[in-house]
């Protein structure tokens, strides 16, 4: 299993329709390595946060965009379809989260797990 972090935000659940906090697992800017004893793993972020990462001169700096898109890109803006679970009804769901230069920019879409978008690996 790869390293991951969490993105949390309030959204309307695609299953029960309740507005609740949903926590999504992301692999963007995550690693079991890090500077010193710090790892880029198992931290919680919200919309607007910039995810910490290796310094720009580090050889793996460009690897921050570890999304699950079927057509990977080297652009500074990447999307990742992330697994989540509604805190109201406990149903599995997804969110397509857009990152711009490691910033959690916005949520493009939310849906039930069975409606996972074809553009992303599940």
PDB file of N, CA and C in Angstrom:
ATOM      1  N   UNK A   1       0.831  -1.167   0.000  1.00  0.00           N
ATOM      2  CA  UNK A   1       0.000   0.000   0.000  1.00  0.00           C
ATOM      3  C   UNK A   1       0.880   1.236   0.000  1.00  0.00           C
ATOM      4  N   UNK A   2       0.509   2.218  -0.798  1.00  0.00           N
ATOM      5  CA  UNK A   2       1.285   3.437  -0.886  1.00  0.00           C
ATOM      6  C   UNK A   2       0.934   4.427   0.204  1.00  0.00           C
ATOM      7  N   UNK A   3       1.797   5.404   0.379  1.00  0.00           N
ATOM      8  CA  UNK A   3       1.547   6.459   1.347  1.00  0.00           C
ATOM      9  C   UNK A   3       0.329   7.271   0.915  1.00  0.00           C
ATOM     10  N   UNK A   4      -0.317   7.900   1.888  1.00  0.00           N
ATOM     11  CA  UNK A   4      -1.506   8.690   1.581  1.00  0.00           C
ATOM     12  C   UNK A   4      -1.663   9.792   2.620  1.00  0.00           C
ATOM     13  N   UNK A   5      -2.496  10.762   2.289  1.00  0.00           N
ATOM     14  CA  UNK A   5      -2.921  11.811   3.200  1.00  0.00           C
ATOM     15  C   UNK A   5      -4.434  11.912   3.102  1.00  0.00           C
ATOM     16  N   UNK A   6      -5.029  12.793   3.885  1.00  0.00           N
ATOM     17  CA  UNK A   6      -6.480  12.958   3.922  1.00  0.00           C
ATOM     18  C   UNK A   6      -6.858  14.390   3.548  1.00  0.00           C
ATOM     19  N   UNK A   7      -7.924  14.512   2.764  1.00  0.00           N
ATOM     20  CA  UNK A   7      -8.522  15.805   2.467  1.00  0.00           C
ATOM     21  C   UNK A   7      -9.925  15.769   3.065  1.00  0.00           C
ATOM     22  N   UNK A   8     -10.273  16.743   3.894  1.00  0.00           N
ATOM     23  CA  UNK A   8     -11.603  16.775   4.504  1.00  0.00           C
ATOM     24  C   UNK A   8     -12.332  18.046   4.084  1.00  0.00           C
ATOM     25  N   UNK A   9     -13.615  17.907   3.825  1.00  0.00           N
ATOM     26  CA  UNK A   9     -14.460  19.060   3.538  1.00  0.00           C
ATOM     27  C   UNK A   9     -15.914  18.670   3.738  1.00  0.00           C
ATOM     28  N   UNK A  10     -16.748  19.659   3.853  1.00  0.00           N
ATOM     29  CA  UNK A  10     -18.179  19.438   4.025  1.00  0.00           C
ATOM     30  C   UNK A  10     -18.819  19.369   2.646  1.00  0.00           C
ATOM     31  N   UNK A  11     -19.652  18.344   2.447  1.00  0.00           N
ATOM     32  CA  UNK A  11     -20.302  18.163   1.145  1.00  0.00           C
ATOM     33  C   UNK A  11     -21.630  17.440   1.340  1.00  0.00           C
ATOM     34  N   UNK A  12     -22.452  17.519   0.328  1.00  0.00           N
ATOM     35  CA  UNK A  12     -23.711  16.786   0.318  1.00  0.00           C
ATOM     36  C   UNK A  12     -23.417  15.362  -0.135  1.00  0.00           C
ATOM     37  N   UNK A  13     -23.771  14.393   0.685  1.00  0.00           N
ATOM     38  CA  UNK A  13     -23.506  12.986   0.362  1.00  0.00           C
ATOM     39  C   UNK A  13     -24.314  12.573  -0.860  1.00  0.00           C
ATOM     40  N   UNK A  14     -23.675  11.894  -1.828  1.00  0.00           N
ATOM     41  CA  UNK A  14     -24.388  11.442  -3.021  1.00  0.00           C
ATOM     42  C   UNK A  14     -25.346  10.284  -2.748  1.00  0.00           C
ATOM     43  N   UNK A  15     -25.282   9.727  -1.555  1.00  0.00           N
ATOM     44  CA  UNK A  15     -26.154   8.601  -1.203  1.00  0.00           C
ATOM     45  C   UNK A  15     -27.342   9.056  -0.349  1.00  0.00           C
ATOM     46  N   UNK A  16     -27.081   9.637   0.828  1.00  0.00           N
ATOM     47  CA  UNK A  16     -28.155   9.978   1.758  1.00  0.00           C
ATOM     48  C   UNK A  16     -28.650  11.414   1.602  1.00  0.00           C
ATOM     49  N   UNK A  17     -27.862  12.253   0.925  1.00  0.00           N
ATOM     50  CA  UNK A  17     -28.261  13.636   0.726  1.00  0.00           C
ATOM     51  C   UNK A  17     -27.972  14.553   1.891  1.00  0.00           C
ATOM     52  N   UNK A  18     -27.459  14.011   2.987  1.00  0.00           N
ATOM     53  CA  UNK A  18     -27.104  14.839   4.141  1.00  0.00           C
ATOM     54  C   UNK A  18     -25.819  15.607   3.867  1.00  0.00           C
ATOM     55  N   UNK A  19     -25.734  16.799   4.399  1.00  0.00           N
ATOM     56  CA  UNK A  19     -24.491  17.561   4.333  1.00  0.00           C
ATOM     57  C   UNK A  19     -23.662  17.159   5.546  1.00  0.00           C
ATOM     58  N   UNK A  20     -22.473  16.645   5.281  1.00  0.00           N
ATOM     59  CA  UNK A  20     -21.625  16.171   6.367  1.00  0.00           C
ATOM     60  C   UNK A  20     -20.163  16.310   5.979  1.00  0.00           C
ATOM     61  N   UNK A  21     -19.315  16.103   6.954  1.00  0.00           N
ATOM     62  CA  UNK A  21     -17.879  16.110   6.692  1.00  0.00           C
ATOM     63  C   UNK A  21     -17.512  14.757   6.095  1.00  0.00           C
ATOM     64  N   UNK A  22     -16.811  14.803   4.973  1.00  0.00           N
ATOM     65  CA  UNK A  22     -16.350  13.574   4.331  1.00  0.00           C
ATOM     66  C   UNK A  22     -14.834  13.658   4.232  1.00  0.00           C
ATOM     67  N   UNK A  23     -14.189  12.571   4.554  1.00  0.00           N
ATOM     68  CA  UNK A  23     -12.725  12.492   4.541  1.00  0.00           C
ATOM     69  C   UNK A  23     -12.310  11.627   3.362  1.00  0.00           C
ATOM     70  N   UNK A  24     -11.461  12.169   2.492  1.00  0.00           N
ATOM     71  CA  UNK A  24     -11.018  11.481   1.283  1.00  0.00           C
ATOM     72  C   UNK A  24      -9.535  11.186   1.351  1.00  0.00           C
ATOM     73  N   UNK A  25      -9.162  10.008   0.889  1.00  0.00           N
ATOM     74  CA  UNK A  25      -7.766   9.586   0.885  1.00  0.00           C
ATOM     75  C   UNK A  25      -7.119  10.005  -0.428  1.00  0.00           C
ATOM     76  N   UNK A  26      -5.994  10.711  -0.345  1.00  0.00           N
ATOM     77  CA  UNK A  26      -5.276  11.159  -1.535  1.00  0.00           C
ATOM     78  C   UNK A  26      -3.836  10.645  -1.512  1.00  0.00           C
ATOM     79  N   UNK A  27      -3.314  10.400  -2.699  1.00  0.00           N
ATOM     80  CA  UNK A  27      -1.922   9.963  -2.825  1.00  0.00           C
ATOM     81  C   UNK A  27      -1.037  11.069  -3.394  1.00  0.00           C
ATOM     82  N   UNK A  28      -1.643  12.196  -3.756  1.00  0.00           N
ATOM     83  CA  UNK A  28      -0.884  13.333  -4.244  1.00  0.00           C
ATOM     84  C   UNK A  28      -0.002  13.845  -3.110  1.00  0.00           C
ATOM     85  N   UNK A  29       1.254  14.144  -3.419  1.00  0.00           N
ATOM     86  CA  UNK A  29       2.214  14.676  -2.438  1.00  0.00           C
ATOM     87  C   UNK A  29       2.266  13.834  -1.175  1.00  0.00           C
ATOM     88  N   UNK A  30       2.334  12.522  -1.348  1.00  0.00           N
ATOM     89  CA  UNK A  30       2.456  11.634  -0.190  1.00  0.00           C
ATOM     90  C   UNK A  30       3.638  10.693  -0.400  1.00  0.00           C
ATOM     91  N   UNK A  31       4.314  10.404   0.696  1.00  0.00           N
ATOM     92  CA  UNK A  31       5.487   9.542   0.624  1.00  0.00           C
ATOM     93  C   UNK A  31       5.814   9.060   2.031  1.00  0.00           C
ATOM     94  N   UNK A  32       6.345   7.850   2.118  1.00  0.00           N
ATOM     95  CA  UNK A  32       6.833   7.368   3.406  1.00  0.00           C
ATOM     96  C   UNK A  32       8.184   7.988   3.738  1.00  0.00           C
ATOM     97  N   UNK A  33       8.779   8.690   2.777  1.00  0.00           N
ATOM     98  CA  UNK A  33      10.026   9.415   3.005  1.00  0.00           C
ATOM     99  C   UNK A  33       9.691  10.866   3.321  1.00  0.00           C
ATOM    100  N   UNK A  34      10.696  11.605   3.714  1.00  0.00           N
ATOM    101  CA  UNK A  34      10.529  13.020   4.000  1.00  0.00           C
ATOM    102  C   UNK A  34      11.792  13.581   4.604  1.00  0.00           C
ATOM    103  N   UNK A  35      11.827  14.891   4.777  1.00  0.00           N
ATOM    104  CA  UNK A  35      13.027  15.490   5.355  1.00  0.00           C
ATOM    105  C   UNK A  35      13.149  15.149   6.835  1.00  0.00           C
ATOM    106  N   UNK A  36      14.323  14.736   7.252  1.00  0.00           N
ATOM    107  CA  UNK A  36      14.539  14.361   8.647  1.00  0.00           C
ATOM    108  C   UNK A  36      13.661  13.186   9.031  1.00  0.00           C
ATOM    109  N   UNK A  37      12.978  13.304  10.143  1.00  0.00           N
ATOM    110  CA  UNK A  37      12.117  12.206  10.597  1.00  0.00           C
ATOM    111  C   UNK A  37      10.667  12.405  10.150  1.00  0.00           C
ATOM    112  N   UNK A  38      10.379  13.507   9.468  1.00  0.00           N
ATOM    113  CA  UNK A  38       9.018  13.798   9.004  1.00  0.00           C
ATOM    114  C   UNK A  38       8.689  13.002   7.743  1.00  0.00           C
ATOM    115  N   UNK A  39       7.482  12.449   7.700  1.00  0.00           N
ATOM    116  CA  UNK A  39       7.030  11.738   6.505  1.00  0.00           C
ATOM    117  C   UNK A  39       5.844  12.495   5.911  1.00  0.00           C
ATOM    118  N   UNK A  40       5.677  12.407   4.598  1.00  0.00           N
ATOM    119  CA  UNK A  40       4.533  13.015   3.927  1.00  0.00           C
ATOM    120  C   UNK A  40       3.411  11.973   3.873  1.00  0.00           C
ATOM    121  N   UNK A  41       2.904  11.606   5.034  1.00  0.00           N
ATOM    122  CA  UNK A  41       1.947  10.505   5.135  1.00  0.00           C
ATOM    123  C   UNK A  41       1.018  10.706   6.335  1.00  0.00           C
ATOM    124  N   UNK A  42      -0.264  10.379   6.117  1.00  0.00           N
ATOM    125  CA  UNK A  42      -1.288  10.332   7.167  1.00  0.00           C
ATOM    126  C   UNK A  42      -1.522  11.680   7.847  1.00  0.00           C
ATOM    127  N   UNK A  43      -1.455  12.755   7.061  1.00  0.00           N
ATOM    128  CA  UNK A  43      -1.784  14.086   7.558  1.00  0.00           C
ATOM    129  C   UNK A  43      -3.133  14.495   6.979  1.00  0.00           C
ATOM    130  N   UNK A  44      -3.824  15.408   7.640  1.00  0.00           N
ATOM    131  CA  UNK A  44      -5.135  15.857   7.198  1.00  0.00           C
ATOM    132  C   UNK A  44      -5.059  17.302   6.720  1.00  0.00           C
ATOM    133  N   UNK A  45      -5.650  17.554   5.540  1.00  0.00           N
ATOM    134  CA  UNK A  45      -5.655  18.884   4.931  1.00  0.00           C
ATOM    135  C   UNK A  45      -7.075  19.243   4.525  1.00  0.00           C
ATOM    136  N   UNK A  46      -7.294  20.533   4.270  1.00  0.00           N
ATOM    137  CA  UNK A  46      -8.598  21.003   3.814  1.00  0.00           C
ATOM    138  C   UNK A  46      -8.420  21.805   2.518  1.00  0.00           C
ATOM    139  N   UNK A  47      -9.532  22.157   1.906  1.00  0.00           N
ATOM    140  CA  UNK A  47      -9.480  22.954   0.682  1.00  0.00           C
ATOM    141  C   UNK A  47      -8.694  24.242   0.940  1.00  0.00           C
ATOM    142  N   UNK A  48      -7.814  24.578   0.010  1.00  0.00           N
ATOM    143  CA  UNK A  48      -6.979  25.770   0.128  1.00  0.00           C
ATOM    144  C   UNK A  48      -5.613  25.516   0.726  1.00  0.00           C
ATOM    145  N   UNK A  49      -5.427  24.397   1.406  1.00  0.00           N
ATOM    146  CA  UNK A  49      -4.116  24.073   1.981  1.00  0.00           C
ATOM    147  C   UNK A  49      -3.118  23.713   0.889  1.00  0.00           C
ATOM    148  N   UNK A  50      -1.859  24.022   1.136  1.00  0.00           N
ATOM    149  CA  UNK A  50      -0.767  23.591   0.263  1.00  0.00           C
ATOM    150  C   UNK A  50      -0.085  22.423   0.952  1.00  0.00           C
ATOM    151  N   UNK A  51      -0.012  21.295   0.252  1.00  0.00           N
ATOM    152  CA  UNK A  51       0.601  20.105   0.823  1.00  0.00           C
ATOM    153  C   UNK A  51       2.115  20.261   0.832  1.00  0.00           C
ATOM    154  N   UNK A  52       2.758  20.012   1.967  1.00  0.00           N
ATOM    155  CA  UNK A  52       4.221  20.097   2.007  1.00  0.00           C
ATOM    156  C   UNK A  52       4.843  19.009   1.140  1.00  0.00           C
ATOM    157  N   UNK A  53       6.035  19.260   0.666  1.00  0.00           N
ATOM    158  CA  UNK A  53       6.715  18.298  -0.193  1.00  0.00           C
ATOM    159  C   UNK A  53       8.200  18.570  -0.139  1.00  0.00           C
ATOM    160  N   UNK A  54       8.977  17.755  -0.804  1.00  0.00           N
ATOM    161  CA  UNK A  54      10.425  17.935  -0.873  1.00  0.00           C
ATOM    162  C   UNK A  54      10.770  19.289  -1.494  1.00  0.00           C
ATOM    163  N   UNK A  55      11.953  19.836  -1.158  1.00  0.00           N
ATOM    164  CA  UNK A  55      12.418  21.085  -1.758  1.00  0.00           C
ATOM    165  C   UNK A  55      12.526  20.953  -3.268  1.00  0.00           C
ATOM    166  N   UNK A  56      12.402  22.077  -3.966  1.00  0.00           N
ATOM    167  CA  UNK A  56      12.435  22.073  -5.440  1.00  0.00           C
ATOM    168  C   UNK A  56      13.715  21.475  -6.015  1.00  0.00           C
ATOM    169  N   UNK A  57      14.815  21.520  -5.289  1.00  0.00           N
ATOM    170  CA  UNK A  57      16.066  20.967  -5.801  1.00  0.00           C
ATOM    171  C   UNK A  57      16.228  19.479  -5.500  1.00  0.00           C
ATOM    172  N   UNK A  58      15.264  18.894  -4.794  1.00  0.00           N
ATOM    173  CA  UNK A  58      15.319  17.465  -4.492  1.00  0.00           C
ATOM    174  C   UNK A  58      14.963  16.660  -5.747  1.00  0.00           C
ATOM    175  N   UNK A  59      15.644  15.528  -5.995  1.00  0.00           N
ATOM    176  CA  UNK A  59      15.414  14.766  -7.232  1.00  0.00           C
ATOM    177  C   UNK A  59      13.977  14.260  -7.417  1.00  0.00           C
ATOM    178  N   UNK A  60      13.215  14.101  -6.349  1.00  0.00           N
ATOM    179  CA  UNK A  60      11.847  13.589  -6.500  1.00  0.00           C
ATOM    180  C   UNK A  60      10.791  14.696  -6.433  1.00  0.00           C
ATOM    181  N   UNK A  61      11.216  15.953  -6.461  1.00  0.00           N
ATOM    182  CA  UNK A  61      10.250  17.044  -6.342  1.00  0.00           C
ATOM    183  C   UNK A  61       9.121  16.928  -7.359  1.00  0.00           C
ATOM    184  N   UNK A  62       9.443  16.611  -8.597  1.00  0.00           N
ATOM    185  CA  UNK A  62       8.437  16.541  -9.664  1.00  0.00           C
ATOM    186  C   UNK A  62       7.479  15.366  -9.491  1.00  0.00           C
ATOM    187  N   UNK A  63       7.748  14.462  -8.570  1.00  0.00           N
ATOM    188  CA  UNK A  63       6.894  13.283  -8.368  1.00  0.00           C
ATOM    189  C   UNK A  63       5.717  13.540  -7.429  1.00  0.00           C
ATOM    190  N   UNK A  64       5.474  14.792  -7.044  1.00  0.00           N
ATOM    191  CA  UNK A  64       4.376  15.074  -6.108  1.00  0.00           C
ATOM    192  C   UNK A  64       3.020  14.728  -6.708  1.00  0.00           C
ATOM    193  N   UNK A  65       2.894  14.791  -8.007  1.00  0.00           N
ATOM    194  CA  UNK A  65       1.603  14.574  -8.672  1.00  0.00           C
ATOM    195  C   UNK A  65       1.373  13.087  -8.916  1.00  0.00           C
ATOM    196  N   UNK A  66       1.177  12.342  -7.848  1.00  0.00           N
ATOM    197  CA  UNK A  66       0.988  10.898  -7.949  1.00  0.00           C
ATOM    198  C   UNK A  66      -0.496  10.547  -7.970  1.00  0.00           C
ATOM    199  N   UNK A  67      -1.267  11.234  -8.797  1.00  0.00           N
ATOM    200  CA  UNK A  67      -2.699  10.963  -8.900  1.00  0.00           C
ATOM    201  C   UNK A  67      -2.961   9.630  -9.566  1.00  0.00           C
ATOM    202  N   UNK A  68      -4.224   9.291  -9.732  1.00  0.00           N
ATOM    203  CA  UNK A  68      -4.575   8.004 -10.322  1.00  0.00           C
ATOM    204  C   UNK A  68      -5.246   8.151 -11.674  1.00  0.00           C
ATOM    205  N   UNK A  69      -4.953   9.240 -12.380  1.00  0.00           N
ATOM    206  CA  UNK A  69      -5.528   9.441 -13.704  1.00  0.00           C
ATOM    207  C   UNK A  69      -4.951   8.421 -14.680  1.00  0.00           C
ATOM    208  N   UNK A  70      -5.790   7.922 -15.558  1.00  0.00           N
ATOM    209  CA  UNK A  70      -5.351   6.950 -16.563  1.00  0.00           C
ATOM    210  C   UNK A  70      -4.373   7.600 -17.534  1.00  0.00           C
ATOM    211  N   UNK A  71      -4.576   8.871 -17.849  1.00  0.00           N
ATOM    212  CA  UNK A  71      -3.653   9.633 -18.695  1.00  0.00           C
ATOM    213  C   UNK A  71      -2.838  10.558 -17.796  1.00  0.00           C
ATOM    214  N   UNK A  72      -1.682  10.097 -17.281  1.00  0.00           N
ATOM    215  CA  UNK A  72      -0.895  10.946 -16.378  1.00  0.00           C
ATOM    216  C   UNK A  72      -0.374  12.192 -17.086  1.00  0.00           C
ATOM    217  N   UNK A  73      -0.109  13.222 -16.307  1.00  0.00           N
ATOM    218  CA  UNK A  73       0.364  14.478 -16.867  1.00  0.00           C
ATOM    219  C   UNK A  73       1.514  15.015 -16.028  1.00  0.00           C
ATOM    220  N   UNK A  74       2.340  15.827 -16.630  1.00  0.00           N
ATOM    221  CA  UNK A  74       3.417  16.494 -15.903  1.00  0.00           C
ATOM    222  C   UNK A  74       3.052  17.940 -15.596  1.00  0.00           C
ATOM    223  N   UNK A  75       1.790  18.294 -15.789  1.00  0.00           N
ATOM    224  CA  UNK A  75       1.337  19.656 -15.544  1.00  0.00           C
ATOM    225  C   UNK A  75       1.360  19.976 -14.051  1.00  0.00           C
ATOM    226  N   UNK A  76       1.323  21.259 -13.726  1.00  0.00           N
ATOM    227  CA  UNK A  76       1.278  21.683 -12.323  1.00  0.00           C
ATOM    228  C   UNK A  76      -0.113  21.500 -11.721  1.00  0.00           C
ATOM    229  N   UNK A  77      -1.134  21.286 -12.563  1.00  0.00           N
ATOM    230  CA  UNK A  77      -2.487  21.029 -12.084  1.00  0.00           C
ATOM    231  C   UNK A  77      -2.835  19.584 -12.394  1.00  0.00           C
ATOM    232  N   UNK A  78      -3.204  18.837 -11.371  1.00  0.00           N
ATOM    233  CA  UNK A  78      -3.575  17.434 -11.549  1.00  0.00           C
ATOM    234  C   UNK A  78      -4.872  17.157 -10.798  1.00  0.00           C
ATOM    235  N   UNK A  79      -5.584  16.152 -11.269  1.00  0.00           N
ATOM    236  CA  UNK A  79      -6.811  15.704 -10.610  1.00  0.00           C
ATOM    237  C   UNK A  79      -6.596  14.292 -10.110  1.00  0.00           C
ATOM    238  N   UNK A  80      -7.191  14.005  -8.971  1.00  0.00           N
ATOM    239  CA  UNK A  80      -7.157  12.649  -8.449  1.00  0.00           C
ATOM    240  C   UNK A  80      -8.562  12.288  -7.992  1.00  0.00           C
ATOM    241  N   UNK A  81      -9.009  11.097  -8.348  1.00  0.00           N
ATOM    242  CA  UNK A  81     -10.275  10.577  -7.854  1.00  0.00           C
ATOM    243  C   UNK A  81      -9.959   9.847  -6.549  1.00  0.00           C
ATOM    244  N   UNK A  82     -10.555  10.309  -5.465  1.00  0.00           N
ATOM    245  CA  UNK A  82     -10.199   9.852  -4.127  1.00  0.00           C
ATOM    246  C   UNK A  82     -11.355   9.112  -3.462  1.00  0.00           C
ATOM    247  N   UNK A  83     -11.040   8.042  -2.759  1.00  0.00           N
ATOM    248  CA  UNK A  83     -12.040   7.302  -1.978  1.00  0.00           C
ATOM    249  C   UNK A  83     -12.404   8.086  -0.723  1.00  0.00           C
ATOM    250  N   UNK A  84     -13.675   8.007  -0.340  1.00  0.00           N
ATOM    251  CA  UNK A  84     -14.129   8.632   0.897  1.00  0.00           C
ATOM    252  C   UNK A  84     -15.277   7.841   1.493  1.00  0.00           C
ATOM    253  N   UNK A  85     -15.733   8.283   2.660  1.00  0.00           N
ATOM    254  CA  UNK A  85     -16.858   7.640   3.314  1.00  0.00           C
ATOM    255  C   UNK A  85     -17.683   8.711   4.017  1.00  0.00           C
ATOM    256  N   UNK A  86     -18.980   8.705   3.774  1.00  0.00           N
ATOM    257  CA  UNK A  86     -19.885   9.661   4.401  1.00  0.00           C
ATOM    258  C   UNK A  86     -19.963   9.378   5.900  1.00  0.00           C
ATOM    259  N   UNK A  87     -19.867  10.431   6.711  1.00  0.00           N
ATOM    260  CA  UNK A  87     -19.958  10.239   8.156  1.00  0.00           C
ATOM    261  C   UNK A  87     -21.406  10.086   8.621  1.00  0.00           C
ATOM    262  N   UNK A  88     -22.370  10.380   7.747  1.00  0.00           N
ATOM    263  CA  UNK A  88     -23.783  10.218   8.114  1.00  0.00           C
ATOM    264  C   UNK A  88     -24.293   8.805   7.860  1.00  0.00           C
ATOM    265  N   UNK A  89     -23.996   8.256   6.656  1.00  0.00           N
ATOM    266  CA  UNK A  89     -24.562   6.943   6.305  1.00  0.00           C
ATOM    267  C   UNK A  89     -23.508   5.864   6.078  1.00  0.00           C
ATOM    268  N   UNK A  90     -22.222   6.240   6.188  1.00  0.00           N
ATOM    269  CA  UNK A  90     -21.096   5.300   6.040  1.00  0.00           C
ATOM    270  C   UNK A  90     -20.979   4.671   4.659  1.00  0.00           C
ATOM    271  N   UNK A  91     -21.571   5.260   3.629  1.00  0.00           N
ATOM    272  CA  UNK A  91     -21.445   4.716   2.286  1.00  0.00           C
ATOM    273  C   UNK A  91     -20.105   5.151   1.680  1.00  0.00           C
ATOM    274  N   UNK A  92     -19.497   4.264   0.894  1.00  0.00           N
ATOM    275  CA  UNK A  92     -18.286   4.620   0.163  1.00  0.00           C
ATOM    276  C   UNK A  92     -18.651   5.554  -0.980  1.00  0.00           C
ATOM    277  N   UNK A  93     -17.826   6.581  -1.165  1.00  0.00           N
ATOM    278  CA  UNK A  93     -18.062   7.534  -2.241  1.00  0.00           C
ATOM    279  C   UNK A  93     -16.716   7.996  -2.781  1.00  0.00           C
ATOM    280  N   UNK A  94     -16.776   8.839  -3.798  1.00  0.00           N
ATOM    281  CA  UNK A  94     -15.543   9.375  -4.380  1.00  0.00           C
ATOM    282  C   UNK A  94     -15.670  10.885  -4.526  1.00  0.00           C
ATOM    283  N   UNK A  95     -14.528  11.526  -4.646  1.00  0.00           N
ATOM    284  CA  UNK A  95     -14.463  12.941  -5.015  1.00  0.00           C
ATOM    285  C   UNK A  95     -13.292  13.095  -5.965  1.00  0.00           C
ATOM    286  N   UNK A  96     -13.495  13.828  -7.045  1.00  0.00           N
ATOM    287  CA  UNK A  96     -12.391  14.211  -7.924  1.00  0.00           C
ATOM    288  C   UNK A  96     -11.892  15.548  -7.392  1.00  0.00           C
ATOM    289  N   UNK A  97     -10.675  15.505  -6.851  1.00  0.00           N
ATOM    290  CA  UNK A  97     -10.073  16.686  -6.235  1.00  0.00           C
ATOM    291  C   UNK A  97      -8.985  17.208  -7.162  1.00  0.00           C
ATOM    292  N   UNK A  98      -8.984  18.519  -7.370  1.00  0.00           N
ATOM    293  CA  UNK A  98      -8.006  19.158  -8.248  1.00  0.00           C
ATOM    294  C   UNK A  98      -6.948  19.839  -7.388  1.00  0.00           C
ATOM    295  N   UNK A  99      -5.689  19.548  -7.707  1.00  0.00           N
ATOM    296  CA  UNK A  99      -4.539  20.116  -7.019  1.00  0.00           C
ATOM    297  C   UNK A  99      -3.802  21.013  -8.007  1.00  0.00           C
ATOM    298  N   UNK A 100      -3.437  22.201  -7.559  1.00  0.00           N
ATOM    299  CA  UNK A 100      -2.678  23.119  -8.401  1.00  0.00           C
ATOM    300  C   UNK A 100      -1.385  23.455  -7.677  1.00  0.00           C
ATOM    301  N   UNK A 101      -0.283  22.928  -8.188  1.00  0.00           N
ATOM    302  CA  UNK A 101       1.042  23.132  -7.580  1.00  0.00           C
ATOM    303  C   UNK A 101       1.005  22.791  -6.088  1.00  0.00           C
ATOM    304  N   UNK A 102       0.432  21.628  -5.773  1.00  0.00           N
ATOM    305  CA  UNK A 102       0.314  21.049  -4.431  1.00  0.00           C
ATOM    306  C   UNK A 102      -0.757  21.707  -3.576  1.00  0.00           C
ATOM    307  N   UNK A 103      -1.467  22.693  -4.084  1.00  0.00           N
ATOM    308  CA  UNK A 103      -2.570  23.304  -3.344  1.00  0.00           C
ATOM    309  C   UNK A 103      -3.846  22.504  -3.604  1.00  0.00           C
ATOM    310  N   UNK A 104      -4.598  22.217  -2.546  1.00  0.00           N
ATOM    311  CA  UNK A 104      -5.891  21.553  -2.688  1.00  0.00           C
ATOM    312  C   UNK A 104      -6.841  22.632  -3.220  1.00  0.00           C
ATOM    313  N   UNK A 105      -6.983  22.684  -4.545  1.00  0.00           N
ATOM    314  CA  UNK A 105      -7.649  23.812  -5.193  1.00  0.00           C
ATOM    315  C   UNK A 105      -9.174  23.753  -5.083  1.00  0.00           C
ATOM    316  N   UNK A 106      -9.768  22.657  -5.568  1.00  0.00           N
ATOM    317  CA  UNK A 106     -11.229  22.560  -5.523  1.00  0.00           C
ATOM    318  C   UNK A 106     -11.666  21.123  -5.782  1.00  0.00           C
ATOM    319  N   UNK A 107     -12.950  20.884  -5.529  1.00  0.00           N
ATOM    320  CA  UNK A 107     -13.557  19.575  -5.774  1.00  0.00           C
ATOM    321  C   UNK A 107     -14.324  19.668  -7.081  1.00  0.00           C
ATOM    322  N   UNK A 108     -13.959  18.825  -8.038  1.00  0.00           N
ATOM    323  CA  UNK A 108     -14.589  18.840  -9.360  1.00  0.00           C
ATOM    324  C   UNK A 108     -15.914  18.085  -9.367  1.00  0.00           C
ATOM    325  N   UNK A 109     -15.965  16.945  -8.675  1.00  0.00           N
ATOM    326  CA  UNK A 109     -17.204  16.169  -8.623  1.00  0.00           C
ATOM    327  C   UNK A 109     -17.181  15.217  -7.431  1.00  0.00           C
ATOM    328  N   UNK A 110     -18.376  14.806  -7.023  1.00  0.00           N
ATOM    329  CA  UNK A 110     -18.557  13.850  -5.932  1.00  0.00           C
ATOM    330  C   UNK A 110     -19.598  12.846  -6.399  1.00  0.00           C
ATOM    331  N   UNK A 111     -19.416  11.577  -6.028  1.00  0.00           N
ATOM    332  CA  UNK A 111     -20.391  10.578  -6.432  1.00  0.00           C
ATOM    333  C   UNK A 111     -20.296   9.302  -5.616  1.00  0.00           C
ATOM    334  N   UNK A 112     -21.205   8.393  -5.932  1.00  0.00           N
ATOM    335  CA  UNK A 112     -21.192   7.078  -5.301  1.00  0.00           C
ATOM    336  C   UNK A 112     -20.071   6.249  -5.914  1.00  0.00           C
ATOM    337  N   UNK A 113     -19.529   5.340  -5.159  1.00  0.00           N
ATOM    338  CA  UNK A 113     -18.369   4.553  -5.597  1.00  0.00           C
ATOM    339  C   UNK A 113     -18.664   3.775  -6.887  1.00  0.00           C
ATOM    340  N   UNK A 114     -19.903   3.320  -7.056  1.00  0.00           N
ATOM    341  CA  UNK A 114     -20.249   2.569  -8.270  1.00  0.00           C
ATOM    342  C   UNK A 114     -20.299   3.459  -9.513  1.00  0.00           C
ATOM    343  N   UNK A 115     -20.250   4.782  -9.323  1.00  0.00           N
ATOM    344  CA  UNK A 115     -20.229   5.721 -10.449  1.00  0.00           C
ATOM    345  C   UNK A 115     -18.841   6.313 -10.672  1.00  0.00           C
ATOM    346  N   UNK A 116     -17.816   5.617 -10.192  1.00  0.00           N
ATOM    347  CA  UNK A 116     -16.412   6.070 -10.311  1.00  0.00           C
ATOM    348  C   UNK A 116     -16.134   6.469 -11.759  1.00  0.00           C
ATOM    349  N   UNK A 117     -15.545   7.641 -12.004  1.00  0.00           N
ATOM    350  CA  UNK A 117     -15.288   8.099 -13.375  1.00  0.00           C
ATOM    351  C   UNK A 117     -14.289   7.217 -14.121  1.00  0.00           C
ATOM    352  N   UNK A 118     -14.552   6.997 -15.397  1.00  0.00           N
ATOM    353  CA  UNK A 118     -13.702   6.131 -16.223  1.00  0.00           C
ATOM    354  C   UNK A 118     -12.303   6.685 -16.434  1.00  0.00           C
ATOM    355  N   UNK A 119     -12.095   7.972 -16.229  1.00  0.00           N
ATOM    356  CA  UNK A 119     -10.783   8.596 -16.469  1.00  0.00           C
ATOM    357  C   UNK A 119      -9.753   8.295 -15.386  1.00  0.00           C
ATOM    358  N   UNK A 120     -10.183   7.580 -14.334  1.00  0.00           N
ATOM    359  CA  UNK A 120      -9.300   7.334 -13.201  1.00  0.00           C
ATOM    360  C   UNK A 120      -9.285   5.844 -12.857  1.00  0.00           C
ATOM    361  N   UNK A 121      -8.105   5.372 -12.404  1.00  0.00           N
ATOM    362  CA  UNK A 121      -7.992   4.017 -11.885  1.00  0.00           C
ATOM    363  C   UNK A 121      -8.737   3.939 -10.569  1.00  0.00           C
ATOM    364  N   UNK A 122      -9.308   2.799 -10.296  1.00  0.00           N
ATOM    365  CA  UNK A 122     -10.053   2.617  -9.050  1.00  0.00           C
ATOM    366  C   UNK A 122      -9.182   1.942  -8.006  1.00  0.00           C
TER     367      UNK A 122
END
